[in-house]
Amino acid sequence: MSETAQHVFSIQKIYTKDISFESPNAPAIFASEFQPQLSIDLNVETKKLSADVFDVVVRVTATTKVDEKTAFLCEVEQAGVFGISGFTEEEMGYMLAVQAPGILFPYARETVSDLVTRGGFPQLLLEPVNFEVMYHEHLQRAEAKDDGETPVVQ
């Protein structure tokens, strides 16, 4: 029997950790001309639960204002428990920052759309997110920060 490491990436559970929808200026906001200014905040958090089990949370916060008044604030924390093993440390970072969030984001996107519509507003379809680009930008920023502080020994 070979002793090569087997790559394992499994979804153990997908769940909604937190949902919040606020429309502080309703119903008056519905009487105004709806020309919204939308801002989206996206975060990914990971937590090791045991040796090969990780909890990954994608947090999407959508804030829409009309004439400086908040029309709605919608926050969704979509989470998943993943079994991940057999990867190098670098590959593990990629799996947690790209693959797992890529699986979770469509769930969060659907929940945001549903909440906004139920709140009486026009449908909000979030654009797809390229977690791979975000991951590589994060690595470049971390590398640039390290270059400024720590000398590299070769």
Protein backbone atom coordinates (compact mmCIF):
# COMPACT_ATOMS: atom_id res chain seq x y z
CA MET A 1 0.00 0.00 0.00
CA SER A 2 1.35 3.41 -0.97
CA GLU A 3 1.88 6.05 1.70
CA THR A 4 1.24 9.07 -0.52
CA ALA A 5 -1.00 11.71 1.03
CA GLN A 6 -4.52 11.63 -0.30
CA HIS A 7 -6.14 15.00 -0.99
CA VAL A 8 -9.49 15.26 0.76
CA PHE A 9 -11.89 18.18 0.40
CA SER A 10 -15.37 17.39 1.64
CA ILE A 11 -18.40 19.44 2.59
CA GLN A 12 -19.67 18.27 5.97
CA LYS A 13 -22.30 20.96 6.49
CA ILE A 14 -23.49 24.22 4.95
CA TYR A 15 -25.43 26.50 7.26
CA THR A 16 -26.57 30.06 7.80
CA LYS A 17 -24.79 31.47 10.83
CA ASP A 18 -26.41 34.91 10.97
CA ILE A 19 -28.96 36.92 9.00
CA SER A 20 -29.87 40.55 9.53
CA PHE A 21 -32.10 42.85 7.52
CA GLU A 22 -32.93 46.40 8.56
CA SER A 23 -34.94 49.07 6.79
CA PRO A 24 -34.78 51.94 9.30
CA ASN A 25 -36.47 54.51 7.06
CA ALA A 26 -39.39 52.39 5.85
CA PRO A 27 -42.10 53.09 4.87
CA ALA A 28 -41.12 56.71 4.06
CA ILE A 29 -38.19 55.52 1.90
CA PHE A 30 -40.65 53.85 -0.51
CA ALA A 31 -42.14 57.25 -1.39
CA SER A 32 -38.79 58.65 -2.59
CA GLU A 33 -37.35 58.17 -6.06
CA PHE A 34 -35.27 55.03 -5.75
CA GLN A 35 -31.79 55.87 -7.04
CA PRO A 36 -29.72 53.83 -4.62
CA GLN A 37 -26.06 54.01 -3.74
CA LEU A 38 -24.99 50.47 -2.92
CA SER A 39 -21.92 49.42 -0.98
CA ILE A 40 -20.90 45.81 -0.50
CA ASP A 41 -18.50 44.52 2.12
CA LEU A 42 -17.23 40.95 1.84
CA ASN A 43 -15.17 39.05 4.41
CA VAL A 44 -14.01 35.47 4.76
CA GLU A 45 -13.10 33.97 8.12
CA THR A 46 -11.75 30.51 8.83
CA LYS A 47 -11.45 28.58 12.05
CA LYS A 48 -9.85 25.20 12.65
CA LEU A 49 -12.27 22.94 14.52
CA SER A 50 -10.06 19.85 14.71
CA ALA A 51 -7.09 18.33 12.89
CA ASP A 52 -8.71 18.19 9.45
CA VAL A 53 -12.00 20.04 9.98
CA PHE A 54 -12.48 23.75 9.32
CA ASP A 55 -15.33 26.23 9.67
CA VAL A 56 -15.41 28.86 6.91
CA VAL A 57 -17.70 31.90 7.07
CA VAL A 58 -18.46 34.24 4.17
CA ARG A 59 -19.93 37.51 5.48
CA VAL A 60 -21.72 39.74 2.97
CA THR A 61 -22.95 43.16 4.08
CA ALA A 62 -25.00 45.18 1.59
CA THR A 63 -25.86 48.76 2.52
CA THR A 64 -28.07 50.84 0.26
CA LYS A 65 -28.68 54.53 0.73
CA VAL A 66 -31.04 56.91 -1.02
CA ASP A 67 -30.24 60.60 -0.54
CA GLU A 68 -27.94 59.79 2.40
CA LYS A 69 -30.75 57.88 4.17
CA THR A 70 -30.30 54.17 4.68
CA ALA A 71 -32.85 52.29 2.59
CA PHE A 72 -31.68 48.92 3.88
CA LEU A 73 -28.82 47.11 5.51
CA CYS A 74 -28.57 43.40 4.84
CA GLU A 75 -25.96 41.12 6.40
CA VAL A 76 -25.61 37.42 5.79
CA GLU A 77 -23.06 35.06 7.31
CA GLN A 78 -23.06 31.89 5.26
CA ALA A 79 -20.90 29.16 6.71
CA GLY A 80 -19.71 25.67 6.06
CA VAL A 81 -17.83 22.92 7.80
CA PHE A 82 -15.24 21.33 5.51
CA GLY A 83 -13.03 18.30 5.90
CA ILE A 84 -9.68 19.16 4.33
CA SER A 85 -6.54 17.05 4.52
CA GLY A 86 -3.51 15.93 2.54
CA PHE A 87 -2.61 19.41 1.28
CA THR A 88 0.56 21.41 1.83
CA GLU A 89 0.27 24.55 3.96
CA GLU A 90 0.15 26.73 0.82
CA GLU A 91 -2.49 24.52 -0.79
CA MET A 92 -4.48 24.56 2.46
CA GLY A 93 -4.54 28.37 2.38
CA TYR A 94 -5.88 28.22 -1.16
CA MET A 95 -8.58 25.68 -0.24
CA LEU A 96 -9.76 27.80 2.72
CA ALA A 97 -9.59 31.18 0.96
CA VAL A 98 -10.75 30.24 -2.55
CA GLN A 99 -12.47 26.87 -2.83
CA ALA A 100 -14.60 26.91 0.34
CA PRO A 101 -15.81 30.54 -0.08
CA GLY A 102 -16.55 29.80 -3.73
CA ILE A 103 -18.94 27.07 -2.60
CA LEU A 104 -20.57 29.25 0.08
CA PHE A 105 -20.99 32.53 -1.83
CA PRO A 106 -23.90 31.43 -4.06
CA TYR A 107 -25.89 30.57 -0.93
CA ALA A 108 -25.16 33.99 0.57
CA ARG A 109 -25.99 35.68 -2.73
CA GLU A 110 -29.39 33.95 -2.89
CA THR A 111 -30.18 34.84 0.74
CA VAL A 112 -29.31 38.53 0.21
CA SER A 113 -31.51 38.65 -2.89
CA ASP A 114 -34.40 37.01 -1.05
CA LEU A 115 -34.14 39.29 2.01
CA VAL A 116 -33.98 42.48 -0.06
CA THR A 117 -37.02 41.44 -2.10
CA ARG A 118 -38.95 40.49 1.04
CA GLY A 119 -38.04 43.92 2.42
CA GLY A 120 -40.00 45.53 -0.41
CA PHE A 121 -37.04 46.65 -2.52
CA PRO A 122 -36.07 45.81 -6.12
CA GLN A 123 -34.17 42.57 -6.50
CA LEU A 124 -30.48 42.80 -5.65
CA LEU A 125 -28.27 40.39 -7.54
CA LEU A 126 -24.71 40.47 -6.26
CA GLU A 127 -22.04 40.09 -8.90
CA PRO A 128 -20.04 36.86 -8.83
CA VAL A 129 -16.87 37.09 -6.76
CA ASN A 130 -13.49 35.86 -7.94
CA PHE A 131 -12.04 34.58 -4.67
CA GLU A 132 -8.87 33.49 -6.47
CA VAL A 133 -8.04 37.08 -7.45
CA MET A 134 -8.84 38.26 -3.89
CA TYR A 135 -6.56 35.55 -2.48
CA HIS A 136 -3.63 36.49 -4.72
CA GLU A 137 -4.08 40.20 -3.92
CA HIS A 138 -4.03 39.32 -0.21
CA LEU A 139 -0.82 37.33 -0.68
CA GLN A 140 0.80 40.22 -2.59
CA ARG A 141 -0.15 42.71 0.14
CA ALA A 142 1.23 40.39 2.82
CA GLU A 143 4.43 39.90 0.83
CA ALA A 144 4.84 43.66 0.31
CA LYS A 145 4.30 44.26 4.02
CA ASP A 146 6.89 41.62 4.89
CA ASP A 147 9.37 43.12 2.41
CA GLY A 148 9.22 46.41 4.26
CA GLU A 149 9.78 44.96 7.72
CA THR A 150 11.67 41.71 7.63
CA PRO A 151 14.85 41.00 5.69
CA VAL A 152 14.74 37.79 3.65
CA VAL A 153 17.52 35.32 4.40
CA GLN A 154 18.58 33.12 1.51
